[in-house]
């Protein structure tokens, strides 16, 4: 079990790559929170000779510096633990799980829309109410790109390529282009 300790801020080294991720607005918010309720989450450091190397908690460290603190609460982790820094934070693991779930749901939704559009165009039947509700503009939706079959020349966009008539065609084109715009 890790023991909470107090570390001198002047002896904590922040790696260059980690420094590049610093967001001043986040530091400001954390500093305000620390003024009101104190430091709730300790930082993680590992020993490196007579100094410590920051493993996790850059914004908390910078907030303490901004407040004029000389020490900060943290945990000393071994080199083996610091090599798995992503796994050391339960928040990171939870955020990764949410991102993965969101991506899976987005892919399922797109596949379902493509299947429904393909089914409705092959049957020649009008779209159901459920299908038409998915055609509304959402942040991740593709604008309707249908053109009358007699106006195939109108399907050429600025790029000189034919615009896809269905979501399935659009998805196939995106996959073929490596998901670039």
C-alpha atoms as a PDB file:
ATOM      1  CA  UNK A   1       0.000   0.000   0.000  1.00  0.00           C
ATOM      2  CA  UNK A   2       1.282   3.440  -0.901  1.00  0.00           C
ATOM      3  CA  UNK A   3       1.941   5.908   1.891  1.00  0.00           C
ATOM      4  CA  UNK A   4       0.937   9.540   1.423  1.00  0.00           C
ATOM      5  CA  UNK A   5       3.981  11.801   1.824  1.00  0.00           C
ATOM      6  CA  UNK A   6       4.894  15.457   1.463  1.00  0.00           C
ATOM      7  CA  UNK A   7       7.424  16.249  -1.292  1.00  0.00           C
ATOM      8  CA  UNK A   8       9.396  19.489  -1.805  1.00  0.00           C
ATOM      9  CA  UNK A   9       8.144  21.045  -5.034  1.00  0.00           C
ATOM     10  CA  UNK A  10      11.633  22.336  -5.917  1.00  0.00           C
ATOM     11  CA  UNK A  11      12.929  18.739  -6.120  1.00  0.00           C
ATOM     12  CA  UNK A  12      10.249  17.499  -8.525  1.00  0.00           C
ATOM     13  CA  UNK A  13      11.344  17.259 -12.171  1.00  0.00           C
ATOM     14  CA  UNK A  14       8.666  17.405 -14.871  1.00  0.00           C
ATOM     15  CA  UNK A  15       9.585  15.577 -18.118  1.00  0.00           C
ATOM     16  CA  UNK A  16       9.474  17.712 -21.272  1.00  0.00           C
ATOM     17  CA  UNK A  17       6.743  15.606 -22.912  1.00  0.00           C
ATOM     18  CA  UNK A  18       4.554  15.968 -19.843  1.00  0.00           C
ATOM     19  CA  UNK A  19       5.147  19.747 -19.720  1.00  0.00           C
ATOM     20  CA  UNK A  20       3.789  20.036 -23.264  1.00  0.00           C
ATOM     21  CA  UNK A  21       0.353  18.875 -22.056  1.00  0.00           C
ATOM     22  CA  UNK A  22      -0.047  21.740 -19.572  1.00  0.00           C
ATOM     23  CA  UNK A  23      -3.354  23.633 -19.820  1.00  0.00           C
ATOM     24  CA  UNK A  24      -3.339  26.975 -17.935  1.00  0.00           C
ATOM     25  CA  UNK A  25      -7.142  27.040 -17.546  1.00  0.00           C
ATOM     26  CA  UNK A  26      -7.088  23.647 -15.779  1.00  0.00           C
ATOM     27  CA  UNK A  27      -4.287  24.858 -13.469  1.00  0.00           C
ATOM     28  CA  UNK A  28      -6.363  27.942 -12.596  1.00  0.00           C
ATOM     29  CA  UNK A  29      -9.447  25.835 -11.797  1.00  0.00           C
ATOM     30  CA  UNK A  30      -7.457  23.416  -9.637  1.00  0.00           C
ATOM     31  CA  UNK A  31      -5.762  26.301  -7.798  1.00  0.00           C
ATOM     32  CA  UNK A  32      -9.171  27.819  -7.008  1.00  0.00           C
ATOM     33  CA  UNK A  33     -10.380  24.452  -5.759  1.00  0.00           C
ATOM     34  CA  UNK A  34      -7.263  24.031  -3.613  1.00  0.00           C
ATOM     35  CA  UNK A  35      -7.867  27.421  -2.023  1.00  0.00           C
ATOM     36  CA  UNK A  36     -11.387  26.372  -1.047  1.00  0.00           C
ATOM     37  CA  UNK A  37     -10.980  22.716  -0.038  1.00  0.00           C
ATOM     38  CA  UNK A  38      -7.281  21.863  -0.255  1.00  0.00           C
ATOM     39  CA  UNK A  39      -5.517  19.208  -2.293  1.00  0.00           C
ATOM     40  CA  UNK A  40      -7.765  16.172  -2.517  1.00  0.00           C
ATOM     41  CA  UNK A  41      -5.821  13.921  -4.920  1.00  0.00           C
ATOM     42  CA  UNK A  42      -2.102  13.349  -4.309  1.00  0.00           C
ATOM     43  CA  UNK A  43       0.378  13.401  -7.187  1.00  0.00           C
ATOM     44  CA  UNK A  44       2.556  10.424  -8.146  1.00  0.00           C
ATOM     45  CA  UNK A  45       6.352  10.702  -8.271  1.00  0.00           C
ATOM     46  CA  UNK A  46       9.230   8.262  -8.612  1.00  0.00           C
ATOM     47  CA  UNK A  47      12.684   8.593  -7.138  1.00  0.00           C
ATOM     48  CA  UNK A  48      15.575   9.526  -9.449  1.00  0.00           C
ATOM     49  CA  UNK A  49      18.708  10.021  -7.363  1.00  0.00           C
ATOM     50  CA  UNK A  50      18.292  13.099  -5.174  1.00  0.00           C
ATOM     51  CA  UNK A  51      15.238  14.356  -7.089  1.00  0.00           C
ATOM     52  CA  UNK A  52      11.769  13.080  -7.920  1.00  0.00           C
ATOM     53  CA  UNK A  53      10.266  12.657 -11.398  1.00  0.00           C
ATOM     54  CA  UNK A  54       6.596  13.482 -11.860  1.00  0.00           C
ATOM     55  CA  UNK A  55       4.557  10.473 -12.969  1.00  0.00           C
ATOM     56  CA  UNK A  56       1.059  11.937 -12.656  1.00  0.00           C
ATOM     57  CA  UNK A  57      -0.429  15.225 -11.450  1.00  0.00           C
ATOM     58  CA  UNK A  58       1.111  17.986 -13.572  1.00  0.00           C
ATOM     59  CA  UNK A  59      -1.826  20.369 -13.190  1.00  0.00           C
ATOM     60  CA  UNK A  60      -1.989  19.820  -9.405  1.00  0.00           C
ATOM     61  CA  UNK A  61       1.756  20.449  -9.138  1.00  0.00           C
ATOM     62  CA  UNK A  62       1.535  23.658 -11.185  1.00  0.00           C
ATOM     63  CA  UNK A  63      -1.466  24.815  -9.146  1.00  0.00           C
ATOM     64  CA  UNK A  64       0.541  24.382  -5.917  1.00  0.00           C
ATOM     65  CA  UNK A  65       3.438  26.312  -7.472  1.00  0.00           C
ATOM     66  CA  UNK A  66       1.046  29.114  -8.483  1.00  0.00           C
ATOM     67  CA  UNK A  67      -0.282  29.275  -4.924  1.00  0.00           C
ATOM     68  CA  UNK A  68       3.258  29.614  -3.562  1.00  0.00           C
ATOM     69  CA  UNK A  69       3.328  26.237  -1.829  1.00  0.00           C
ATOM     70  CA  UNK A  70       6.726  24.705  -1.079  1.00  0.00           C
ATOM     71  CA  UNK A  71       5.531  21.107  -0.624  1.00  0.00           C
ATOM     72  CA  UNK A  72       2.892  18.926  -2.210  1.00  0.00           C
ATOM     73  CA  UNK A  73       1.152  15.734  -1.101  1.00  0.00           C
ATOM     74  CA  UNK A  74       1.884  12.684  -3.178  1.00  0.00           C
ATOM     75  CA  UNK A  75       2.778   9.030  -3.395  1.00  0.00           C
ATOM     76  CA  UNK A  76       6.226   7.650  -4.125  1.00  0.00           C
ATOM     77  CA  UNK A  77       5.878   4.855  -6.671  1.00  0.00           C
ATOM     78  CA  UNK A  78       8.486   2.394  -7.878  1.00  0.00           C
ATOM     79  CA  UNK A  79       9.890   2.502 -11.417  1.00  0.00           C
ATOM     80  CA  UNK A  80       7.828  -0.581 -12.302  1.00  0.00           C
ATOM     81  CA  UNK A  81       4.632   1.149 -11.204  1.00  0.00           C
ATOM     82  CA  UNK A  82       5.480   4.364 -13.048  1.00  0.00           C
ATOM     83  CA  UNK A  83       5.930   2.492 -16.336  1.00  0.00           C
ATOM     84  CA  UNK A  84       2.204   1.742 -16.127  1.00  0.00           C
ATOM     85  CA  UNK A  85       1.176   5.302 -15.380  1.00  0.00           C
ATOM     86  CA  UNK A  86      -2.072   5.047 -17.366  1.00  0.00           C
ATOM     87  CA  UNK A  87      -3.223   2.136 -15.212  1.00  0.00           C
ATOM     88  CA  UNK A  88      -2.299   3.966 -11.995  1.00  0.00           C
ATOM     89  CA  UNK A  89      -5.224   6.373 -12.343  1.00  0.00           C
ATOM     90  CA  UNK A  90      -8.733   4.957 -12.048  1.00  0.00           C
ATOM     91  CA  UNK A  91     -10.054   8.069 -13.804  1.00  0.00           C
ATOM     92  CA  UNK A  92      -7.974   7.400 -16.916  1.00  0.00           C
ATOM     93  CA  UNK A  93      -9.143   3.792 -17.096  1.00  0.00           C
ATOM     94  CA  UNK A  94     -12.765   4.905 -16.733  1.00  0.00           C
ATOM     95  CA  UNK A  95     -12.368   7.610 -19.385  1.00  0.00           C
ATOM     96  CA  UNK A  96     -10.808   5.095 -21.797  1.00  0.00           C
ATOM     97  CA  UNK A  97     -13.702   2.688 -21.208  1.00  0.00           C
ATOM     98  CA  UNK A  98     -16.249   5.440 -21.926  1.00  0.00           C
ATOM     99  CA  UNK A  99     -14.394   6.427 -25.123  1.00  0.00           C
ATOM    100  CA  UNK A 100     -14.335   2.823 -26.333  1.00  0.00           C
ATOM    101  CA  UNK A 101     -18.026   2.330 -25.564  1.00  0.00           C
ATOM    102  CA  UNK A 102     -18.948   5.562 -27.363  1.00  0.00           C
ATOM    103  CA  UNK A 103     -16.948   4.521 -30.424  1.00  0.00           C
ATOM    104  CA  UNK A 104     -18.600   1.067 -30.488  1.00  0.00           C
ATOM    105  CA  UNK A 105     -22.064   2.626 -30.191  1.00  0.00           C
ATOM    106  CA  UNK A 106     -21.285   5.108 -32.991  1.00  0.00           C
ATOM    107  CA  UNK A 107     -20.151   2.291 -35.292  1.00  0.00           C
ATOM    108  CA  UNK A 108     -23.253   0.243 -34.467  1.00  0.00           C
ATOM    109  CA  UNK A 109     -25.504   3.248 -35.162  1.00  0.00           C
ATOM    110  CA  UNK A 110     -23.823   3.915 -38.506  1.00  0.00           C
ATOM    111  CA  UNK A 111     -24.058   0.261 -39.497  1.00  0.00           C
ATOM    112  CA  UNK A 112     -27.751   0.156 -38.533  1.00  0.00           C
ATOM    113  CA  UNK A 113     -28.487   3.338 -40.527  1.00  0.00           C
ATOM    114  CA  UNK A 114     -26.650   1.950 -43.540  1.00  0.00           C
ATOM    115  CA  UNK A 115     -28.561  -1.325 -43.308  1.00  0.00           C
ATOM    116  CA  UNK A 116     -31.931   0.460 -42.993  1.00  0.00           C
ATOM    117  CA  UNK A 117     -31.181   2.771 -45.940  1.00  0.00           C
ATOM    118  CA  UNK A 118     -30.022  -0.137 -48.045  1.00  0.00           C
ATOM    119  CA  UNK A 119     -33.144  -2.131 -47.138  1.00  0.00           C
ATOM    120  CA  UNK A 120     -35.480   0.801 -47.861  1.00  0.00           C
ATOM    121  CA  UNK A 121     -33.880   1.542 -51.236  1.00  0.00           C
ATOM    122  CA  UNK A 122     -33.842  -2.106 -52.308  1.00  0.00           C
ATOM    123  CA  UNK A 123     -37.480  -2.646 -51.330  1.00  0.00           C
ATOM    124  CA  UNK A 124     -38.613   0.602 -52.904  1.00  0.00           C
ATOM    125  CA  UNK A 125     -40.811   1.150 -49.870  1.00  0.00           C
ATOM    126  CA  UNK A 126     -41.103   4.504 -48.132  1.00  0.00           C
ATOM    127  CA  UNK A 127     -38.944   4.971 -45.075  1.00  0.00           C
ATOM    128  CA  UNK A 128     -40.423   4.144 -41.708  1.00  0.00           C
ATOM    129  CA  UNK A 129     -40.785   6.799 -39.022  1.00  0.00           C
ATOM    130  CA  UNK A 130     -37.858   5.278 -37.106  1.00  0.00           C
ATOM    131  CA  UNK A 131     -35.542   5.576 -40.105  1.00  0.00           C
ATOM    132  CA  UNK A 132     -36.516   9.145 -40.892  1.00  0.00           C
ATOM    133  CA  UNK A 133     -35.723  10.200 -37.322  1.00  0.00           C
ATOM    134  CA  UNK A 134     -32.120   9.061 -37.813  1.00  0.00           C
ATOM    135  CA  UNK A 135     -31.824  11.267 -40.899  1.00  0.00           C
ATOM    136  CA  UNK A 136     -31.968  14.418 -38.784  1.00  0.00           C
ATOM    137  CA  UNK A 137     -28.691  16.323 -38.521  1.00  0.00           C
ATOM    138  CA  UNK A 138     -26.623  15.281 -35.545  1.00  0.00           C
ATOM    139  CA  UNK A 139     -23.004  16.192 -34.818  1.00  0.00           C
ATOM    140  CA  UNK A 140     -21.745  12.883 -36.257  1.00  0.00           C
ATOM    141  CA  UNK A 141     -24.301  12.444 -39.006  1.00  0.00           C
ATOM    142  CA  UNK A 142     -23.599  12.740 -42.704  1.00  0.00           C
ATOM    143  CA  UNK A 143     -25.666  15.250 -44.667  1.00  0.00           C
ATOM    144  CA  UNK A 144     -28.130  13.744 -47.101  1.00  0.00           C
ATOM    145  CA  UNK A 145     -26.372  13.455 -50.453  1.00  0.00           C
ATOM    146  CA  UNK A 146     -29.089  11.941 -52.609  1.00  0.00           C
ATOM    147  CA  UNK A 147     -29.513  13.201 -56.119  1.00  0.00           C
ATOM    148  CA  UNK A 148     -32.096  12.167 -58.707  1.00  0.00           C
ATOM    149  CA  UNK A 149     -30.754   9.412 -60.949  1.00  0.00           C
ATOM    150  CA  UNK A 150     -31.384  11.561 -64.030  1.00  0.00           C
ATOM    151  CA  UNK A 151     -29.124  14.263 -62.599  1.00  0.00           C
ATOM    152  CA  UNK A 152     -26.007  12.151 -62.207  1.00  0.00           C
ATOM    153  CA  UNK A 153     -23.886  15.023 -63.505  1.00  0.00           C
ATOM    154  CA  UNK A 154     -25.030  17.042 -60.464  1.00  0.00           C
ATOM    155  CA  UNK A 155     -23.472  14.417 -58.212  1.00  0.00           C
ATOM    156  CA  UNK A 156     -19.966  15.663 -59.008  1.00  0.00           C
ATOM    157  CA  UNK A 157     -18.755  17.943 -56.225  1.00  0.00           C
ATOM    158  CA  UNK A 158     -15.879  20.400 -56.076  1.00  0.00           C
ATOM    159  CA  UNK A 159     -13.400  17.518 -56.031  1.00  0.00           C
ATOM    160  CA  UNK A 160     -14.652  16.071 -59.293  1.00  0.00           C
ATOM    161  CA  UNK A 161     -15.672  12.879 -57.541  1.00  0.00           C
ATOM    162  CA  UNK A 162     -19.211  11.583 -57.514  1.00  0.00           C
ATOM    163  CA  UNK A 163     -21.020  12.242 -54.242  1.00  0.00           C
ATOM    164  CA  UNK A 164     -22.277   9.059 -52.608  1.00  0.00           C
ATOM    165  CA  UNK A 165     -26.008   8.524 -52.936  1.00  0.00           C
ATOM    166  CA  UNK A 166     -26.329   6.463 -49.775  1.00  0.00           C
ATOM    167  CA  UNK A 167     -24.713   6.211 -46.383  1.00  0.00           C
ATOM    168  CA  UNK A 168     -23.315   2.808 -47.353  1.00  0.00           C
ATOM    169  CA  UNK A 169     -21.539   4.325 -50.346  1.00  0.00           C
ATOM    170  CA  UNK A 170     -20.256   7.170 -48.174  1.00  0.00           C
ATOM    171  CA  UNK A 171     -18.893   4.724 -45.560  1.00  0.00           C
ATOM    172  CA  UNK A 172     -17.232   2.631 -48.271  1.00  0.00           C
ATOM    173  CA  UNK A 173     -15.609   5.760 -49.754  1.00  0.00           C
ATOM    174  CA  UNK A 174     -14.396   6.902 -46.313  1.00  0.00           C
ATOM    175  CA  UNK A 175     -12.892   3.481 -45.633  1.00  0.00           C
ATOM    176  CA  UNK A 176     -11.251   3.433 -49.068  1.00  0.00           C
ATOM    177  CA  UNK A 177      -9.732   6.887 -48.440  1.00  0.00           C
ATOM    178  CA  UNK A 178      -8.424   5.866 -45.030  1.00  0.00           C
ATOM    179  CA  UNK A 179     -11.088   7.939 -43.205  1.00  0.00           C
ATOM    180  CA  UNK A 180      -9.610  11.229 -44.411  1.00  0.00           C
ATOM    181  CA  UNK A 181     -11.791  14.185 -45.354  1.00  0.00           C
END
